[in-house]
Amino acid sequence: MGQLKASPGDRTAHLCIDMQRLFAAGGPWPTPWMPRVVPVIRALVVRAPERTIFTRFIPPVEPGDAAGMWRAYYEKWPKVTRSTMDLDLLRLVPELEDFAPPAHSIDKPVYSAFATGTLRTYLHEKHVDTLLVTGSETDVCVLATVLAAVDIGYRVIVVKDGLCSSSDAAHEASLHLYAQRFDVQIELAEAGEVLDSWRP
């Protein structure tokens, strides 16, 4: 069955990372491929909106509100703090926003979607054991989330054509890392293969 080891089962959820206007064209951190990735992600959301979780990256109000090296990060990016930025940039892109609800949304202040514990609690309550991962950016928030999911023990299916980044090289390096170093714990698949086999 292509690159999938087995069909995603009925305990599968689609975890879509940070598909926000913040990372779209015109935002402060644009990912140039987002327009071509959005229809792929939307097709997966349409398949099971109630089995979809959207995360949103939420910056602090001021750089001084951030902890540790995050403070230095926002001192570099002061225009991407909530006291300064257009708060509409924190919203999901228009093509996905209307799906939440029934899709669930979880906000996070750092790269990994698992950092606050909210996502893990939600997935446990929903008896999820498999994650289809899409979103932005492949080499930052997606990478941190995928590795955290591996640590917890989820079956992780990374949807290759459902990812975007601002760096071609880092995107390709991340996929190579998944394939070469985590081949037992991470599966790579195209959205078409997932849609052909996932019947939630």
N, C-alpha and C. Protein backbone atom coordinates (compact mmCIF):
# COMPACT_ATOMS: atom_id res chain seq x y z
N MET A 1 0.82 -1.19 0.00
CA MET A 1 0.00 0.00 0.00
C MET A 1 0.87 1.25 0.00
N GLY A 2 1.72 1.44 -0.96
CA GLY A 2 2.54 2.64 -1.01
C GLY A 2 3.46 2.73 0.20
N GLN A 3 3.51 3.90 0.79
CA GLN A 3 4.40 4.12 1.92
C GLN A 3 3.72 3.94 3.26
N LEU A 4 2.41 3.79 3.28
CA LEU A 4 1.71 3.53 4.53
C LEU A 4 1.89 2.07 4.92
N LYS A 5 2.14 1.82 6.19
CA LYS A 5 2.30 0.45 6.68
C LYS A 5 0.95 -0.24 6.81
N ALA A 6 -0.09 0.55 7.05
CA ALA A 6 -1.45 0.04 7.15
C ALA A 6 -2.39 1.23 7.01
N SER A 7 -3.65 0.96 6.72
CA SER A 7 -4.62 2.04 6.62
C SER A 7 -4.77 2.75 7.97
N PRO A 8 -4.92 4.07 7.98
CA PRO A 8 -5.23 4.76 9.24
C PRO A 8 -6.54 4.21 9.81
N GLY A 9 -6.54 3.89 11.07
CA GLY A 9 -7.71 3.27 11.69
C GLY A 9 -8.72 4.28 12.20
N ASP A 10 -9.71 3.76 12.94
CA ASP A 10 -10.79 4.62 13.42
C ASP A 10 -10.40 5.41 14.66
N ARG A 11 -9.14 5.27 15.10
CA ARG A 11 -8.65 6.09 16.21
C ARG A 11 -7.61 7.09 15.72
N THR A 12 -7.80 7.50 14.47
CA THR A 12 -6.89 8.45 13.82
C THR A 12 -7.45 9.86 13.89
N ALA A 13 -6.58 10.84 14.11
CA ALA A 13 -6.95 12.25 14.04
C ALA A 13 -6.00 12.97 13.10
N HIS A 14 -6.50 14.02 12.49
CA HIS A 14 -5.69 14.88 11.62
C HIS A 14 -5.23 16.07 12.44
N LEU A 15 -3.93 16.18 12.65
CA LEU A 15 -3.35 17.28 13.41
C LEU A 15 -2.73 18.27 12.43
N CYS A 16 -3.34 19.43 12.31
CA CYS A 16 -2.92 20.45 11.35
C CYS A 16 -2.25 21.58 12.12
N ILE A 17 -0.97 21.78 11.84
CA ILE A 17 -0.15 22.70 12.62
C ILE A 17 -0.09 24.10 12.00
N ASP A 18 -0.60 25.07 12.73
CA ASP A 18 -0.33 26.50 12.51
C ASP A 18 -0.58 27.00 11.08
N MET A 19 -1.69 26.61 10.50
CA MET A 19 -2.03 27.14 9.17
C MET A 19 -2.76 28.46 9.36
N GLN A 20 -1.98 29.46 9.73
CA GLN A 20 -2.48 30.78 10.11
C GLN A 20 -2.09 31.85 9.11
N ARG A 21 -2.82 32.95 9.15
CA ARG A 21 -2.49 34.09 8.30
C ARG A 21 -1.11 34.66 8.64
N LEU A 22 -0.65 34.40 9.84
CA LEU A 22 0.69 34.80 10.28
C LEU A 22 1.77 34.28 9.34
N PHE A 23 1.51 33.09 8.74
CA PHE A 23 2.49 32.44 7.88
C PHE A 23 2.10 32.49 6.40
N ALA A 24 1.03 33.20 6.10
CA ALA A 24 0.56 33.33 4.71
C ALA A 24 1.21 34.55 4.05
N ALA A 25 1.01 34.68 2.76
CA ALA A 25 1.53 35.84 2.04
C ALA A 25 1.01 37.12 2.69
N GLY A 26 1.88 38.09 2.90
CA GLY A 26 1.49 39.33 3.55
C GLY A 26 1.72 39.32 5.04
N GLY A 27 1.93 38.14 5.62
CA GLY A 27 2.23 38.05 7.04
C GLY A 27 3.71 38.26 7.29
N PRO A 28 4.11 38.39 8.55
CA PRO A 28 5.51 38.66 8.86
C PRO A 28 6.43 37.45 8.65
N TRP A 29 5.86 36.24 8.66
CA TRP A 29 6.65 35.02 8.50
C TRP A 29 6.07 34.18 7.35
N PRO A 30 6.08 34.67 6.11
CA PRO A 30 5.39 33.96 5.02
C PRO A 30 6.08 32.66 4.62
N THR A 31 5.28 31.66 4.34
CA THR A 31 5.76 30.40 3.77
C THR A 31 5.27 30.35 2.33
N PRO A 32 6.18 30.50 1.38
CA PRO A 32 5.77 30.69 -0.02
C PRO A 32 4.93 29.56 -0.59
N TRP A 33 5.05 28.34 -0.05
CA TRP A 33 4.29 27.22 -0.64
C TRP A 33 2.88 27.10 -0.08
N MET A 34 2.53 27.91 0.88
CA MET A 34 1.24 27.72 1.53
C MET A 34 0.07 27.65 0.54
N PRO A 35 0.00 28.51 -0.48
CA PRO A 35 -1.15 28.43 -1.39
C PRO A 35 -1.32 27.07 -2.05
N ARG A 36 -0.22 26.37 -2.35
CA ARG A 36 -0.38 25.06 -2.99
C ARG A 36 -0.66 23.95 -1.99
N VAL A 37 -0.34 24.20 -0.72
CA VAL A 37 -0.57 23.19 0.31
C VAL A 37 -1.98 23.27 0.87
N VAL A 38 -2.56 24.46 0.90
CA VAL A 38 -3.90 24.63 1.49
C VAL A 38 -4.94 23.70 0.88
N PRO A 39 -5.04 23.54 -0.45
CA PRO A 39 -6.06 22.62 -0.99
C PRO A 39 -5.85 21.17 -0.55
N VAL A 40 -4.59 20.76 -0.39
CA VAL A 40 -4.29 19.40 0.06
C VAL A 40 -4.80 19.21 1.49
N ILE A 41 -4.49 20.17 2.35
CA ILE A 41 -4.93 20.09 3.74
C ILE A 41 -6.45 20.17 3.82
N ARG A 42 -7.03 21.04 3.03
CA ARG A 42 -8.49 21.18 3.04
C ARG A 42 -9.17 19.85 2.68
N ALA A 43 -8.61 19.12 1.71
CA ALA A 43 -9.19 17.84 1.32
C ALA A 43 -9.18 16.85 2.49
N LEU A 44 -8.11 16.86 3.29
CA LEU A 44 -8.06 15.99 4.46
C LEU A 44 -9.05 16.44 5.52
N VAL A 45 -9.18 17.75 5.70
CA VAL A 45 -10.14 18.27 6.68
C VAL A 45 -11.56 17.91 6.27
N VAL A 46 -11.88 18.06 4.99
CA VAL A 46 -13.23 17.73 4.50
C VAL A 46 -13.57 16.27 4.77
N ARG A 47 -12.58 15.40 4.68
CA ARG A 47 -12.82 13.98 4.92
C ARG A 47 -13.35 13.74 6.34
N ALA A 48 -12.84 14.49 7.32
CA ALA A 48 -13.27 14.26 8.71
C ALA A 48 -13.02 15.52 9.54
N PRO A 49 -13.84 16.56 9.36
CA PRO A 49 -13.60 17.79 10.13
C PRO A 49 -13.68 17.57 11.63
N GLU A 50 -14.54 16.66 12.06
CA GLU A 50 -14.68 16.40 13.49
C GLU A 50 -13.50 15.62 14.06
N ARG A 51 -12.66 15.09 13.18
CA ARG A 51 -11.44 14.38 13.60
C ARG A 51 -10.20 15.23 13.35
N THR A 52 -10.39 16.53 13.15
CA THR A 52 -9.30 17.46 12.86
C THR A 52 -9.02 18.33 14.08
N ILE A 53 -7.74 18.55 14.35
CA ILE A 53 -7.32 19.50 15.37
C ILE A 53 -6.42 20.52 14.71
N PHE A 54 -6.81 21.79 14.80
CA PHE A 54 -5.97 22.88 14.32
C PHE A 54 -5.19 23.46 15.50
N THR A 55 -3.89 23.66 15.33
CA THR A 55 -3.14 24.41 16.33
C THR A 55 -2.87 25.81 15.81
N ARG A 56 -2.70 26.73 16.75
CA ARG A 56 -2.33 28.11 16.40
C ARG A 56 -1.16 28.54 17.28
N PHE A 57 -0.16 29.13 16.65
CA PHE A 57 1.00 29.68 17.36
C PHE A 57 0.62 31.08 17.85
N ILE A 58 0.67 31.29 19.18
CA ILE A 58 0.24 32.55 19.76
C ILE A 58 1.42 33.22 20.46
N PRO A 59 1.91 34.34 19.93
CA PRO A 59 3.03 35.05 20.56
C PRO A 59 2.59 35.73 21.86
N PRO A 60 3.56 36.16 22.67
CA PRO A 60 3.22 36.87 23.90
C PRO A 60 2.74 38.29 23.59
N VAL A 61 2.21 38.94 24.61
CA VAL A 61 1.79 40.34 24.44
C VAL A 61 3.00 41.23 24.22
N GLU A 62 4.02 41.06 25.03
CA GLU A 62 5.26 41.83 24.95
C GLU A 62 6.45 40.87 25.00
N PRO A 63 7.61 41.25 24.44
CA PRO A 63 8.78 40.38 24.54
C PRO A 63 9.12 39.99 25.98
N GLY A 64 8.93 40.92 26.92
CA GLY A 64 9.25 40.65 28.31
C GLY A 64 8.36 39.62 28.96
N ASP A 65 7.24 39.29 28.32
CA ASP A 65 6.34 38.26 28.87
C ASP A 65 6.83 36.85 28.57
N ALA A 66 7.78 36.73 27.66
CA ALA A 66 8.26 35.42 27.26
C ALA A 66 9.36 34.95 28.21
N ALA A 67 9.51 33.63 28.31
CA ALA A 67 10.47 33.05 29.23
C ALA A 67 11.79 32.71 28.53
N GLY A 68 12.88 32.82 29.26
CA GLY A 68 14.18 32.36 28.78
C GLY A 68 14.56 32.95 27.44
N MET A 69 15.04 32.07 26.54
CA MET A 69 15.50 32.52 25.24
C MET A 69 14.36 32.96 24.32
N TRP A 70 13.12 32.64 24.70
CA TRP A 70 11.99 33.18 23.94
C TRP A 70 11.94 34.70 24.04
N ARG A 71 12.43 35.24 25.17
CA ARG A 71 12.46 36.70 25.29
C ARG A 71 13.40 37.29 24.24
N ALA A 72 14.57 36.70 24.08
CA ALA A 72 15.50 37.18 23.05
C ALA A 72 14.90 37.03 21.65
N TYR A 73 14.15 35.94 21.46
CA TYR A 73 13.51 35.70 20.17
C TYR A 73 12.56 36.85 19.83
N TYR A 74 11.74 37.24 20.80
CA TYR A 74 10.77 38.31 20.52
C TYR A 74 11.39 39.70 20.59
N GLU A 75 12.54 39.82 21.18
CA GLU A 75 13.27 41.08 21.06
C GLU A 75 13.77 41.25 19.62
N LYS A 76 14.03 40.12 18.95
CA LYS A 76 14.38 40.16 17.53
C LYS A 76 13.15 40.42 16.66
N TRP A 77 11.99 39.91 17.10
CA TRP A 77 10.75 40.02 16.33
C TRP A 77 9.68 40.79 17.12
N PRO A 78 9.96 42.04 17.55
CA PRO A 78 8.99 42.76 18.38
C PRO A 78 7.67 43.06 17.66
N LYS A 79 7.70 43.08 16.33
CA LYS A 79 6.46 43.37 15.59
C LYS A 79 5.53 42.16 15.54
N VAL A 80 6.04 41.02 16.02
CA VAL A 80 5.18 39.82 16.08
C VAL A 80 4.87 39.51 17.55
N THR A 81 4.43 40.53 18.26
CA THR A 81 3.89 40.37 19.60
C THR A 81 2.48 40.94 19.59
N ARG A 82 1.65 40.47 20.49
CA ARG A 82 0.23 40.81 20.40
C ARG A 82 -0.07 42.27 20.69
N SER A 83 0.85 42.97 21.36
CA SER A 83 0.64 44.40 21.60
C SER A 83 0.85 45.24 20.35
N THR A 84 1.53 44.66 19.36
CA THR A 84 1.93 45.41 18.17
C THR A 84 1.27 44.91 16.89
N MET A 85 1.10 43.61 16.76
CA MET A 85 0.68 43.01 15.50
C MET A 85 -0.82 43.14 15.27
N ASP A 86 -1.22 42.92 14.04
CA ASP A 86 -2.63 42.78 13.68
C ASP A 86 -3.09 41.40 14.17
N LEU A 87 -4.00 41.38 15.12
CA LEU A 87 -4.40 40.11 15.73
C LEU A 87 -5.13 39.19 14.76
N ASP A 88 -5.61 39.72 13.65
CA ASP A 88 -6.22 38.86 12.64
C ASP A 88 -5.20 37.87 12.06
N LEU A 89 -3.92 38.19 12.15
CA LEU A 89 -2.89 37.29 11.65
C LEU A 89 -2.85 35.97 12.43
N LEU A 90 -3.41 35.96 13.61
CA LEU A 90 -3.43 34.73 14.41
C LEU A 90 -4.53 33.77 13.97
N ARG A 91 -5.45 34.23 13.15
CA ARG A 91 -6.55 33.39 12.69
C ARG A 91 -6.05 32.36 11.67
N LEU A 92 -6.78 31.26 11.56
CA LEU A 92 -6.50 30.30 10.50
C LEU A 92 -6.72 30.94 9.14
N VAL A 93 -6.08 30.39 8.11
CA VAL A 93 -6.30 30.92 6.77
C VAL A 93 -7.77 30.73 6.40
N PRO A 94 -8.31 31.60 5.55
CA PRO A 94 -9.75 31.57 5.26
C PRO A 94 -10.26 30.22 4.77
N GLU A 95 -9.46 29.51 4.00
CA GLU A 95 -9.91 28.24 3.43
C GLU A 95 -10.16 27.16 4.49
N LEU A 96 -9.60 27.36 5.69
CA LEU A 96 -9.73 26.35 6.76
C LEU A 96 -10.56 26.85 7.94
N GLU A 97 -10.65 28.14 8.10
CA GLU A 97 -11.25 28.71 9.31
C GLU A 97 -12.69 28.26 9.55
N ASP A 98 -13.46 28.12 8.49
CA ASP A 98 -14.88 27.78 8.66
C ASP A 98 -15.10 26.34 9.14
N PHE A 99 -14.04 25.53 9.17
CA PHE A 99 -14.19 24.16 9.64
C PHE A 99 -14.07 24.04 11.17
N ALA A 100 -13.73 25.14 11.83
CA ALA A 100 -13.54 25.09 13.28
C ALA A 100 -14.58 25.97 13.98
N PRO A 101 -15.59 25.39 14.64
CA PRO A 101 -15.92 23.97 14.70
C PRO A 101 -16.58 23.48 13.41
N PRO A 102 -16.73 22.14 13.27
CA PRO A 102 -16.56 21.05 14.24
C PRO A 102 -15.12 20.66 14.55
N ALA A 103 -14.16 21.11 13.73
CA ALA A 103 -12.76 20.84 14.07
C ALA A 103 -12.44 21.52 15.40
N HIS A 104 -11.51 20.93 16.13
CA HIS A 104 -11.10 21.45 17.43
C HIS A 104 -9.88 22.34 17.24
N SER A 105 -9.74 23.37 18.06
CA SER A 105 -8.59 24.28 17.98
C SER A 105 -7.86 24.32 19.31
N ILE A 106 -6.53 24.33 19.22
CA ILE A 106 -5.68 24.41 20.41
C ILE A 106 -4.60 25.45 20.16
N ASP A 107 -4.47 26.39 21.08
CA ASP A 107 -3.43 27.42 20.98
C ASP A 107 -2.19 26.98 21.75
N LYS A 108 -1.04 27.45 21.26
CA LYS A 108 0.23 27.09 21.89
C LYS A 108 1.19 28.27 21.82
N PRO A 109 2.05 28.45 22.83
CA PRO A 109 2.97 29.58 22.84
C PRO A 109 4.36 29.26 22.30
N VAL A 110 4.60 27.99 21.96
CA VAL A 110 5.93 27.54 21.53
C VAL A 110 5.78 26.64 20.31
N TYR A 111 6.88 26.04 19.87
CA TYR A 111 6.86 25.25 18.64
C TYR A 111 6.01 23.99 18.75
N SER A 112 6.24 23.18 19.76
CA SER A 112 5.55 21.89 19.86
C SER A 112 4.10 22.05 20.29
N ALA A 113 3.22 21.35 19.59
CA ALA A 113 1.81 21.36 19.95
C ALA A 113 1.55 20.62 21.26
N PHE A 114 2.52 19.83 21.71
CA PHE A 114 2.34 19.06 22.94
C PHE A 114 2.88 19.76 24.17
N ALA A 115 3.46 20.95 24.02
CA ALA A 115 4.20 21.58 25.12
C ALA A 115 3.33 21.89 26.34
N THR A 116 2.09 22.28 26.14
CA THR A 116 1.26 22.69 27.27
C THR A 116 0.53 21.54 27.94
N GLY A 117 0.45 20.39 27.28
CA GLY A 117 -0.30 19.26 27.81
C GLY A 117 -1.74 19.21 27.36
N THR A 118 -2.27 20.32 26.83
CA THR A 118 -3.68 20.37 26.42
C THR A 118 -3.98 19.40 25.30
N LEU A 119 -3.10 19.34 24.30
CA LEU A 119 -3.33 18.45 23.16
C LEU A 119 -3.32 17.00 23.59
N ARG A 120 -2.35 16.61 24.39
CA ARG A 120 -2.26 15.21 24.81
C ARG A 120 -3.51 14.80 25.58
N THR A 121 -4.00 15.68 26.44
CA THR A 121 -5.22 15.38 27.19
C THR A 121 -6.40 15.19 26.25
N TYR A 122 -6.52 16.08 25.27
CA TYR A 122 -7.62 15.99 24.31
C TYR A 122 -7.55 14.69 23.52
N LEU A 123 -6.38 14.33 23.03
CA LEU A 123 -6.23 13.10 22.25
C LEU A 123 -6.53 11.87 23.10
N HIS A 124 -6.13 11.90 24.35
CA HIS A 124 -6.42 10.78 25.26
C HIS A 124 -7.93 10.64 25.45
N GLU A 125 -8.62 11.75 25.64
CA GLU A 125 -10.08 11.72 25.83
C GLU A 125 -10.79 11.18 24.59
N LYS A 126 -10.23 11.43 23.43
CA LYS A 126 -10.83 10.99 22.16
C LYS A 126 -10.30 9.62 21.72
N HIS A 127 -9.46 8.99 22.55
CA HIS A 127 -8.91 7.65 22.28
C HIS A 127 -8.13 7.59 20.97
N VAL A 128 -7.40 8.66 20.68
CA VAL A 128 -6.60 8.73 19.45
C VAL A 128 -5.28 8.00 19.66
N ASP A 129 -4.90 7.17 18.67
CA ASP A 129 -3.58 6.53 18.73
C ASP A 129 -2.74 6.79 17.49
N THR A 130 -3.32 7.45 16.48
CA THR A 130 -2.63 7.72 15.22
C THR A 130 -2.86 9.17 14.82
N LEU A 131 -1.79 9.83 14.37
CA LEU A 131 -1.87 11.22 13.95
C LEU A 131 -1.45 11.37 12.49
N LEU A 132 -2.31 12.01 11.70
CA LEU A 132 -1.96 12.48 10.37
C LEU A 132 -1.50 13.92 10.54
N VAL A 133 -0.27 14.23 10.19
CA VAL A 133 0.29 15.54 10.48
C VAL A 133 0.47 16.35 9.20
N THR A 134 -0.08 17.56 9.21
CA THR A 134 0.09 18.52 8.12
C THR A 134 0.43 19.87 8.74
N GLY A 135 0.77 20.85 7.89
CA GLY A 135 0.88 22.20 8.40
C GLY A 135 2.18 22.92 8.12
N SER A 136 2.45 23.90 8.98
CA SER A 136 3.54 24.85 8.80
C SER A 136 4.30 25.02 10.13
N GLU A 137 5.61 25.14 10.14
CA GLU A 137 6.53 24.87 9.06
C GLU A 137 7.14 23.50 9.29
N THR A 138 7.48 22.83 8.19
CA THR A 138 8.03 21.47 8.24
C THR A 138 9.17 21.33 9.23
N ASP A 139 10.05 22.32 9.23
CA ASP A 139 11.32 22.24 9.95
C ASP A 139 11.32 22.96 11.30
N VAL A 140 10.15 23.45 11.72
CA VAL A 140 10.08 24.16 13.00
C VAL A 140 8.95 23.56 13.84
N CYS A 141 7.75 24.12 13.74
CA CYS A 141 6.65 23.65 14.60
C CYS A 141 6.22 22.23 14.27
N VAL A 142 6.21 21.86 12.99
CA VAL A 142 5.86 20.49 12.62
C VAL A 142 6.92 19.53 13.16
N LEU A 143 8.18 19.86 12.98
CA LEU A 143 9.27 19.00 13.47
C LEU A 143 9.17 18.80 14.98
N ALA A 144 9.00 19.87 15.73
CA ALA A 144 8.92 19.77 17.19
C ALA A 144 7.73 18.93 17.61
N THR A 145 6.61 19.09 16.93
CA THR A 145 5.40 18.34 17.27
C THR A 145 5.53 16.87 16.93
N VAL A 146 6.09 16.58 15.77
CA VAL A 146 6.26 15.19 15.35
C VAL A 146 7.16 14.44 16.31
N LEU A 147 8.27 15.03 16.69
CA LEU A 147 9.19 14.35 17.61
C LEU A 147 8.56 14.15 18.99
N ALA A 148 7.76 15.10 19.44
CA ALA A 148 7.05 14.93 20.70
C ALA A 148 6.04 13.79 20.59
N ALA A 149 5.35 13.69 19.47
CA ALA A 149 4.38 12.61 19.26
C ALA A 149 5.07 11.26 19.25
N VAL A 150 6.25 11.19 18.65
CA VAL A 150 7.04 9.96 18.65
C VAL A 150 7.40 9.58 20.09
N ASP A 151 7.84 10.54 20.87
CA ASP A 151 8.20 10.26 22.26
C ASP A 151 7.03 9.68 23.05
N ILE A 152 5.82 10.20 22.79
CA ILE A 152 4.65 9.72 23.51
C ILE A 152 4.25 8.32 23.06
N GLY A 153 4.53 8.01 21.78
CA GLY A 153 4.23 6.68 21.28
C GLY A 153 3.12 6.61 20.26
N TYR A 154 2.68 7.76 19.74
CA TYR A 154 1.65 7.74 18.70
C TYR A 154 2.21 7.16 17.40
N ARG A 155 1.33 6.53 16.64
CA ARG A 155 1.66 6.26 15.25
C ARG A 155 1.58 7.59 14.52
N VAL A 156 2.65 7.98 13.84
CA VAL A 156 2.72 9.28 13.19
C VAL A 156 2.84 9.10 11.69
N ILE A 157 1.90 9.69 10.96
CA ILE A 157 1.93 9.69 9.50
C ILE A 157 2.08 11.14 9.05
N VAL A 158 3.23 11.45 8.50
CA VAL A 158 3.50 12.80 8.00
C VAL A 158 3.04 12.88 6.54
N VAL A 159 2.13 13.79 6.27
CA VAL A 159 1.59 13.96 4.92
C VAL A 159 2.52 14.92 4.16
N LYS A 160 3.37 14.36 3.31
CA LYS A 160 4.45 15.13 2.70
C LYS A 160 3.97 16.34 1.91
N ASP A 161 2.90 16.16 1.13
CA ASP A 161 2.41 17.27 0.31
C ASP A 161 1.44 18.16 1.07
N GLY A 162 1.31 17.92 2.37
CA GLY A 162 0.49 18.77 3.23
C GLY A 162 1.34 19.61 4.17
N LEU A 163 2.61 19.79 3.82
CA LEU A 163 3.53 20.58 4.65
C LEU A 163 4.06 21.77 3.85
N CYS A 164 4.39 22.84 4.55
CA CYS A 164 5.04 23.97 3.89
C CYS A 164 6.08 24.59 4.81
N SER A 165 7.04 25.28 4.19
CA SER A 165 8.14 25.89 4.92
C SER A 165 8.61 27.11 4.15
N SER A 166 9.38 27.93 4.82
CA SER A 166 10.02 29.05 4.13
C SER A 166 11.41 28.67 3.63
N SER A 167 11.82 27.43 3.88
CA SER A 167 13.15 26.96 3.47
C SER A 167 13.03 25.62 2.76
N ASP A 168 13.30 25.60 1.46
CA ASP A 168 13.29 24.36 0.71
C ASP A 168 14.28 23.35 1.29
N ALA A 169 15.49 23.83 1.58
CA ALA A 169 16.54 22.93 2.05
C ALA A 169 16.18 22.31 3.40
N ALA A 170 15.65 23.11 4.31
CA ALA A 170 15.30 22.59 5.63
C ALA A 170 14.09 21.66 5.56
N HIS A 171 13.17 21.95 4.66
CA HIS A 171 12.02 21.05 4.44
C HIS A 171 12.51 19.68 3.99
N GLU A 172 13.36 19.67 2.97
CA GLU A 172 13.87 18.40 2.45
C GLU A 172 14.71 17.67 3.49
N ALA A 173 15.49 18.42 4.26
CA ALA A 173 16.31 17.79 5.31
C ALA A 173 15.43 17.15 6.38
N SER A 174 14.32 17.79 6.71
CA SER A 174 13.41 17.24 7.71
C SER A 174 12.78 15.94 7.22
N LEU A 175 12.33 15.92 5.98
CA LEU A 175 11.75 14.69 5.43
C LEU A 175 12.79 13.58 5.38
N HIS A 176 14.03 13.93 5.03
CA HIS A 176 15.11 12.95 5.01
C HIS A 176 15.37 12.41 6.42
N LEU A 177 15.34 13.29 7.40
CA LEU A 177 15.52 12.87 8.79
C LEU A 177 14.44 11.87 9.20
N TYR A 178 13.19 12.19 8.89
CA TYR A 178 12.09 11.27 9.24
C TYR A 178 12.31 9.91 8.59
N ALA A 179 12.66 9.92 7.31
CA ALA A 179 12.77 8.68 6.55
C ALA A 179 13.97 7.84 6.97
N GLN A 180 15.07 8.50 7.29
CA GLN A 180 16.31 7.76 7.54
C GLN A 180 16.53 7.42 9.01
N ARG A 181 16.09 8.28 9.90
CA ARG A 181 16.39 8.08 11.32
C ARG A 181 15.19 7.60 12.13
N PHE A 182 13.98 7.80 11.61
CA PHE A 182 12.78 7.45 12.37
C PHE A 182 11.84 6.57 11.55
N ASP A 183 12.41 5.70 10.71
CA ASP A 183 11.59 4.94 9.77
C ASP A 183 10.63 3.98 10.46
N VAL A 184 10.94 3.55 11.68
CA VAL A 184 10.03 2.66 12.41
C VAL A 184 8.86 3.45 12.99
N GLN A 185 9.11 4.69 13.41
CA GLN A 185 8.12 5.45 14.16
C GLN A 185 7.39 6.52 13.36
N ILE A 186 7.92 6.88 12.20
CA ILE A 186 7.29 7.90 11.36
C ILE A 186 7.10 7.35 9.96
N GLU A 187 5.89 7.46 9.46
CA GLU A 187 5.57 7.09 8.08
C GLU A 187 5.39 8.36 7.26
N LEU A 188 5.89 8.35 6.04
CA LEU A 188 5.70 9.45 5.11
C LEU A 188 4.75 8.99 4.01
N ALA A 189 3.77 9.81 3.71
CA ALA A 189 2.80 9.45 2.68
C ALA A 189 2.29 10.69 1.99
N GLU A 190 1.81 10.53 0.76
CA GLU A 190 1.13 11.61 0.05
C GLU A 190 -0.33 11.64 0.49
N ALA A 191 -0.94 12.82 0.37
CA ALA A 191 -2.33 12.97 0.78
C ALA A 191 -3.26 12.03 0.02
N GLY A 192 -2.97 11.81 -1.27
CA GLY A 192 -3.82 10.93 -2.07
C GLY A 192 -3.87 9.53 -1.50
N GLU A 193 -2.72 9.03 -1.04
CA GLU A 193 -2.68 7.69 -0.46
C GLU A 193 -3.47 7.65 0.83
N VAL A 194 -3.34 8.69 1.63
CA VAL A 194 -4.10 8.76 2.88
C VAL A 194 -5.60 8.78 2.59
N LEU A 195 -6.01 9.62 1.66
CA LEU A 195 -7.44 9.74 1.34
C LEU A 195 -7.99 8.46 0.76
N ASP A 196 -7.17 7.71 0.03
CA ASP A 196 -7.62 6.44 -0.53
C ASP A 196 -7.88 5.39 0.55
N SER A 197 -7.20 5.51 1.70
CA SER A 197 -7.29 4.44 2.69
C SER A 197 -7.95 4.83 4.00
N TRP A 198 -8.12 6.14 4.24
CA TRP A 198 -8.70 6.57 5.52
C TRP A 198 -10.19 6.71 5.40
N ARG A 199 -10.90 5.90 6.16
CA ARG A 199 -12.37 5.93 6.15
C ARG A 199 -12.87 6.12 7.58
N PRO A 200 -12.79 7.36 8.09
CA PRO A 200 -13.17 7.59 9.49
C PRO A 200 -14.67 7.39 9.71
